[in-house]
Amino acid sequence: MLLPFPTQNIPIQEIPVHKNRRLFIKREDLVHPQVSGNKYWKLFYNVNQYAAGNPGTPYLITFGGAFSNHISAVSAVGSLAGIPTLGIIRGEELQSKWRDNPTLAFAHRNGMNLKFVSREEYRHKEKLSGFLLKEFPEALIIPEGGTNEAAVEGVKMMLDDHTKDFDYLCTAVGTGGTVAGISKYAEDHQKIIGFKAVDDDSLESRICELTSIRNFELIDSHFGGYGKIKDETVRFINDFKRKFEIPLEPIYTGKMMQKVFEMMDEGYFPENSKILCFHTGGLQGIEGANLLLARQNRSLII
């Protein structure tokens, strides 16, 4: 088994912000120092089943953007397991400046080969995958964000006896695999809320392909668009860390928590409800975000 099952329980911390509603956060960011959060679980079955069934020459290939948590995670898995990896990176312009990008530089240090393609080529990932399988027939090609049926099965591991008593389960949504897994394996009484980090109207139909249970709601929480970081989000993240000693990144979990606080103030959650938010990791992205913020002479994430 290349990715072991963690032996310790992932802590659930209460965030005391409202006297009539109880808010908690499950620290999946602590599951592994390099393969953190939902990425660990989305890769868990993908990688372990592939390794068990492939005695030949293993090779992991996947897709991602300049600051992709998924690229970072797959490169770390490859380094830990001694498996070569290839990242197909969106944006030919990064070819000459990837060394200045913290995520891509980290992936390269982990031994990942980087192939840069145009945004037009990247949009046709199925076609690209066909070419790659011809060139590397024994490779495991993991989709962007790691979302597939094996990933949904892995996300089941984020739920346990400690999560059963909550009324609401909340997670950030990028490609949909995490919210699909939580939806599929939640308790009957629980409502699932997915906080969309992307402005993508096709997400719901994709999630429905991965789970037949309609116990979830999707809420926009991209605050201006995927990868866009507003000053109010930076202030929220920094204030959250000072008050609760929990770091958040500005693309997924940070925006989710910002939206959850707004919804609590607006009375979305009934009195006496218990709300659990999943911290899906991705803290490696803070360094890259701060580089962008510094270039714009804006406040940084602490």
Protein backbone atom coordinates (compact mmCIF):
# COMPACT_ATOMS: atom_id res chain seq x y z
CA MET A 1 0.00 0.00 0.00
CA LEU A 2 1.63 3.23 -1.17
CA LEU A 3 -0.70 5.53 0.77
CA PRO A 4 -1.31 4.07 4.25
CA PHE A 5 -4.48 4.62 6.21
CA PRO A 6 -3.72 7.20 8.94
CA THR A 7 -3.61 5.66 12.40
CA GLN A 8 -4.66 8.79 14.30
CA ASN A 9 -8.06 10.45 14.29
CA ILE A 10 -8.27 13.73 12.37
CA PRO A 11 -9.16 16.41 14.92
CA ILE A 12 -12.47 18.26 14.83
CA GLN A 13 -12.21 21.76 16.32
CA GLU A 14 -15.10 23.93 17.41
CA ILE A 15 -15.21 27.51 16.09
CA PRO A 16 -17.13 29.49 18.76
CA VAL A 17 -18.77 32.22 16.72
CA HIS A 18 -22.50 31.90 17.47
CA LYS A 19 -24.35 31.13 20.70
CA ASN A 20 -27.32 29.37 19.06
CA ARG A 21 -25.49 27.42 16.34
CA ARG A 22 -22.38 25.29 16.72
CA LEU A 23 -19.70 25.43 14.05
CA PHE A 24 -16.83 22.94 13.72
CA ILE A 25 -13.98 22.30 11.30
CA LYS A 26 -12.46 18.89 10.57
CA ARG A 27 -8.73 19.32 10.03
CA GLU A 28 -8.18 17.09 7.00
CA ASP A 29 -5.26 19.39 6.20
CA LEU A 30 -3.38 17.47 8.91
CA VAL A 31 -3.81 14.03 7.34
CA HIS A 32 -0.36 14.19 5.70
CA PRO A 33 2.33 16.91 5.56
CA GLN A 34 2.66 16.83 1.77
CA VAL A 35 -0.49 15.10 0.47
CA SER A 36 -3.00 16.99 2.57
CA GLY A 37 -6.73 17.19 2.85
CA ASN A 38 -9.12 15.74 0.31
CA LYS A 39 -6.26 15.11 -2.15
CA TYR A 40 -5.00 12.31 0.09
CA TRP A 41 -8.34 10.56 0.04
CA LYS A 42 -9.03 11.20 -3.65
CA LEU A 43 -5.69 9.58 -4.48
CA PHE A 44 -5.96 6.82 -1.86
CA TYR A 45 -7.76 4.17 -3.94
CA ASN A 46 -6.56 5.49 -7.30
CA VAL A 47 -2.91 4.98 -6.43
CA ASN A 48 -3.15 1.93 -4.15
CA GLN A 49 -5.33 -0.08 -6.55
CA TYR A 50 -3.12 0.87 -9.47
CA ALA A 51 0.05 -0.16 -7.61
CA ALA A 52 -1.48 -3.47 -6.53
CA GLY A 53 -2.59 -4.33 -10.06
CA ASN A 54 0.41 -3.07 -11.98
CA PRO A 55 3.57 -5.11 -11.36
CA GLY A 56 5.24 -3.54 -14.39
CA THR A 57 6.65 -0.04 -14.70
CA PRO A 58 4.31 2.37 -12.89
CA TYR A 59 3.83 5.93 -14.07
CA LEU A 60 1.40 8.58 -12.80
CA ILE A 61 0.12 11.25 -15.20
CA THR A 62 -2.26 14.05 -14.33
CA PHE A 63 -3.40 17.57 -15.21
CA GLY A 64 -3.45 20.94 -13.45
CA GLY A 65 -2.89 24.66 -13.49
CA ALA A 66 -0.05 26.81 -12.26
CA PHE A 67 -0.98 26.62 -8.55
CA SER A 68 -2.76 23.26 -8.54
CA ASN A 69 -3.00 21.48 -5.18
CA HIS A 70 -3.57 18.30 -7.14
CA ILE A 71 -0.31 18.64 -9.09
CA SER A 72 1.51 19.23 -5.82
CA ALA A 73 -0.11 16.19 -4.19
CA VAL A 74 0.52 13.78 -7.08
CA SER A 75 4.16 14.84 -7.29
CA ALA A 76 4.53 14.21 -3.55
CA VAL A 77 2.97 10.74 -3.87
CA GLY A 78 5.38 9.94 -6.68
CA SER A 79 8.35 11.08 -4.62
CA LEU A 80 7.25 9.12 -1.53
CA ALA A 81 6.54 5.94 -3.50
CA GLY A 82 9.43 6.17 -5.95
CA ILE A 83 7.05 6.34 -8.93
CA PRO A 84 7.81 8.70 -11.84
CA THR A 85 5.17 11.34 -12.50
CA LEU A 86 4.18 13.63 -15.35
CA GLY A 87 2.13 16.80 -14.94
CA ILE A 88 0.32 18.29 -17.93
CA ILE A 89 0.25 21.98 -17.07
CA ARG A 90 -2.24 24.48 -18.48
CA GLY A 91 -0.50 27.48 -20.12
CA GLU A 92 2.43 27.43 -22.51
CA GLU A 93 3.61 30.77 -21.12
CA LEU A 94 4.72 28.98 -17.93
CA GLN A 95 7.38 27.05 -19.86
CA SER A 96 9.99 29.76 -19.30
CA LYS A 97 9.06 30.82 -15.78
CA TRP A 98 7.95 27.74 -13.86
CA ARG A 99 10.99 28.00 -11.56
CA ASP A 100 9.44 31.15 -10.08
CA ASN A 101 6.20 29.32 -9.33
CA PRO A 102 6.25 27.68 -5.84
CA THR A 103 3.84 24.86 -6.77
CA LEU A 104 5.57 23.87 -10.00
CA ALA A 105 9.02 24.21 -8.46
CA PHE A 106 7.90 21.91 -5.61
CA ALA A 107 6.53 19.38 -8.10
CA HIS A 108 9.81 19.47 -10.03
CA ARG A 109 11.82 18.91 -6.84
CA ASN A 110 9.65 15.84 -6.26
CA GLY A 111 10.79 14.50 -9.62
CA MET A 112 7.67 15.35 -11.63
CA ASN A 113 8.23 16.00 -15.32
CA LEU A 114 6.27 19.03 -16.50
CA LYS A 115 4.70 19.32 -19.93
CA PHE A 116 3.18 22.70 -20.77
CA VAL A 117 0.29 22.86 -23.22
CA SER A 118 -1.86 25.65 -24.58
CA ARG A 119 -5.20 26.40 -22.99
CA GLU A 120 -6.88 25.16 -26.17
CA GLU A 121 -5.10 21.80 -25.96
CA TYR A 122 -5.84 21.60 -22.26
CA ARG A 123 -9.57 21.97 -22.86
CA HIS A 124 -9.46 18.69 -24.79
CA LYS A 125 -8.02 16.54 -22.01
CA GLU A 126 -9.75 13.37 -23.22
CA LYS A 127 -7.94 13.64 -26.53
CA LEU A 128 -4.67 14.35 -24.73
CA SER A 129 -5.23 11.35 -22.48
CA GLY A 130 -5.64 9.12 -25.54
CA PHE A 131 -2.29 10.24 -26.93
CA LEU A 132 -0.62 9.77 -23.54
CA LEU A 133 -1.96 6.23 -23.13
CA LYS A 134 -0.53 5.28 -26.51
CA GLU A 135 2.85 6.62 -25.43
CA PHE A 136 2.66 5.26 -21.87
CA PRO A 137 0.33 2.22 -21.99
CA GLU A 138 1.03 1.16 -18.39
CA ALA A 139 0.45 4.61 -16.90
CA LEU A 140 -2.34 5.62 -14.57
CA ILE A 141 -3.90 8.81 -15.90
CA ILE A 142 -5.60 10.69 -13.07
CA PRO A 143 -8.10 13.37 -14.14
CA GLU A 144 -7.78 17.03 -13.20
CA GLY A 145 -8.48 17.48 -9.51
CA GLY A 146 -8.35 13.70 -9.06
CA THR A 147 -12.11 13.34 -9.47
CA ASN A 148 -13.38 9.92 -10.59
CA GLU A 149 -15.26 7.00 -9.02
CA ALA A 150 -12.19 5.78 -7.11
CA ALA A 151 -11.78 9.27 -5.65
CA VAL A 152 -15.41 9.29 -4.48
CA GLU A 153 -14.79 5.99 -2.68
CA GLY A 154 -11.73 7.49 -1.01
CA VAL A 155 -13.64 10.54 0.21
CA LYS A 156 -15.79 8.13 2.23
CA MET A 157 -12.82 7.96 4.62
CA MET A 158 -13.42 11.60 5.60
CA LEU A 159 -16.63 10.43 7.30
CA ASP A 160 -16.56 8.38 10.49
CA ASP A 161 -18.32 7.97 13.82
CA HIS A 162 -17.23 11.48 14.82
CA THR A 163 -19.05 13.10 11.86
CA LYS A 164 -22.40 11.34 12.24
CA ASP A 165 -24.09 13.73 14.66
CA PHE A 166 -23.76 16.88 12.56
CA ASP A 167 -26.76 18.37 10.78
CA TYR A 168 -24.76 20.02 7.96
CA LEU A 169 -21.59 18.87 6.22
CA CYS A 170 -19.79 21.58 4.23
CA THR A 171 -16.96 21.35 1.73
CA ALA A 172 -15.41 23.51 -0.95
CA VAL A 173 -16.06 22.38 -4.53
CA GLY A 174 -13.63 22.46 -7.44
CA THR A 175 -14.19 19.45 -9.67
CA GLY A 176 -16.94 17.90 -7.53
CA GLY A 177 -15.41 14.66 -6.30
CA THR A 178 -15.31 15.56 -2.62
CA VAL A 179 -18.89 16.78 -2.34
CA ALA A 180 -20.02 13.72 -4.32
CA GLY A 181 -18.28 11.39 -1.87
CA ILE A 182 -19.64 13.17 1.19
CA SER A 183 -23.12 13.17 -0.36
CA LYS A 184 -22.95 9.48 -1.20
CA TYR A 185 -21.86 8.31 2.25
CA ALA A 186 -23.46 10.84 4.62
CA GLU A 187 -26.10 9.91 7.17
CA ASP A 188 -29.74 10.13 6.09
CA HIS A 189 -30.46 13.15 8.29
CA GLN A 190 -27.51 15.21 7.07
CA LYS A 191 -27.64 17.99 4.50
CA ILE A 192 -24.56 18.52 2.34
CA ILE A 193 -23.50 21.98 1.17
CA GLY A 194 -20.89 22.38 -1.54
CA PHE A 195 -19.26 25.81 -1.76
CA LYS A 196 -18.32 26.42 -5.39
CA ALA A 197 -14.86 27.87 -5.92
CA VAL A 198 -15.55 28.03 -9.66
CA ASP A 199 -18.30 29.71 -11.66
CA ASP A 200 -19.36 26.54 -13.46
CA ASP A 201 -23.01 25.71 -14.12
CA SER A 202 -22.15 22.15 -15.19
CA LEU A 203 -20.88 21.12 -11.75
CA GLU A 204 -24.20 19.83 -10.46
CA SER A 205 -24.71 17.45 -13.37
CA ARG A 206 -21.14 16.14 -12.98
CA ILE A 207 -21.67 15.55 -9.28
CA CYS A 208 -24.92 13.71 -10.02
CA GLU A 209 -22.97 11.34 -12.25
CA LEU A 210 -20.90 10.34 -9.20
CA THR A 211 -23.68 10.08 -6.62
CA SER A 212 -27.35 9.19 -7.02
CA ILE A 213 -28.30 10.85 -3.73
CA ARG A 214 -29.78 14.33 -3.96
CA ASN A 215 -28.99 15.52 -0.45
CA PHE A 216 -26.68 18.36 -1.47
CA GLU A 217 -26.93 22.03 -2.37
CA LEU A 218 -24.33 24.05 -4.25
CA ILE A 219 -23.67 27.64 -3.22
CA ASP A 220 -21.49 30.13 -5.06
CA SER A 221 -18.50 31.17 -3.00
CA HIS A 222 -15.90 32.09 -5.63
CA PHE A 223 -16.06 35.80 -4.66
CA GLY A 224 -15.29 37.17 -8.10
CA GLY A 225 -14.05 34.05 -9.87
CA TYR A 226 -11.75 31.07 -9.48
CA GLY A 227 -8.31 32.16 -8.31
CA LYS A 228 -9.46 35.74 -7.69
CA ILE A 229 -8.47 36.96 -4.23
CA LYS A 230 -10.24 39.99 -2.80
CA ASP A 231 -8.86 42.05 0.08
CA GLU A 232 -11.86 41.08 2.21
CA THR A 233 -10.93 37.40 1.80
CA VAL A 234 -7.34 38.08 2.88
CA ARG A 235 -8.62 39.99 5.92
CA PHE A 236 -11.02 37.16 6.78
CA ILE A 237 -8.28 34.49 6.51
CA ASN A 238 -5.84 36.47 8.63
CA ASP A 239 -8.46 37.24 11.26
CA PHE A 240 -9.54 33.57 11.34
CA LYS A 241 -5.95 32.44 11.93
CA ARG A 242 -5.39 35.00 14.71
CA LYS A 243 -8.61 34.03 16.50
CA PHE A 244 -8.63 30.25 16.04
CA GLU A 245 -4.99 29.39 15.14
CA ILE A 246 -6.13 27.61 11.98
CA PRO A 247 -4.56 28.55 8.62
CA LEU A 248 -6.79 28.79 5.54
CA GLU A 249 -5.86 29.15 1.88
CA PRO A 250 -7.61 31.74 -0.33
CA ILE A 251 -9.05 29.61 -3.16
CA TYR A 252 -11.09 26.88 -1.50
CA THR A 253 -11.40 26.53 2.28
CA GLY A 254 -10.82 30.22 3.01
CA LYS A 255 -13.66 31.30 0.76
CA MET A 256 -15.89 28.51 2.05
CA MET A 257 -15.44 29.61 5.66
CA GLN A 258 -15.97 33.24 4.67
CA LYS A 259 -19.29 32.28 3.07
CA VAL A 260 -20.31 30.08 6.02
CA PHE A 261 -19.82 33.03 8.38
CA GLU A 262 -22.01 35.18 6.12
CA MET A 263 -24.70 32.50 6.06
CA MET A 264 -24.66 32.18 9.83
CA ASP A 265 -25.12 35.94 10.17
CA GLU A 266 -28.02 35.79 7.69
CA GLY A 267 -29.78 33.02 9.63
CA TYR A 268 -29.42 30.31 6.97
CA PHE A 269 -28.77 27.59 9.56
CA PRO A 270 -31.59 26.84 12.01
CA GLU A 271 -31.04 27.44 15.72
CA ASN A 272 -29.32 24.63 17.62
CA SER A 273 -27.92 23.13 14.41
CA LYS A 274 -24.45 21.61 14.30
CA ILE A 275 -22.37 22.48 11.23
CA LEU A 276 -19.18 20.68 10.21
CA CYS A 277 -16.82 22.16 7.61
CA PHE A 278 -14.05 20.06 6.09
CA HIS A 279 -10.64 21.72 5.84
CA THR A 280 -9.48 20.28 2.51
CA GLY A 281 -5.85 21.36 2.81
CA GLY A 282 -4.17 23.16 -0.07
CA LEU A 283 -2.06 25.33 2.22
CA GLN A 284 0.82 25.02 -0.22
CA GLY A 285 -1.06 27.54 -2.37
CA ILE A 286 -0.56 30.38 0.14
CA GLU A 287 3.00 31.02 -1.01
CA GLY A 288 1.94 31.46 -4.63
CA ALA A 289 -1.02 33.63 -3.63
CA ASN A 290 1.28 35.89 -1.63
CA LEU A 291 3.59 36.31 -4.62
CA LEU A 292 0.65 37.58 -6.66
CA LEU A 293 -0.55 39.83 -3.84
CA ALA A 294 2.93 41.27 -3.31
CA ARG A 295 3.20 42.19 -7.00
CA GLN A 296 -0.03 44.15 -6.60
CA ASN A 297 1.22 45.86 -3.39
CA ARG A 298 -1.61 44.33 -1.39
CA SER A 299 -1.80 42.83 2.10
CA LEU A 300 -0.41 39.28 2.40
CA ILE A 301 -1.82 36.15 3.98
CA ILE A 302 -0.07 35.54 7.30
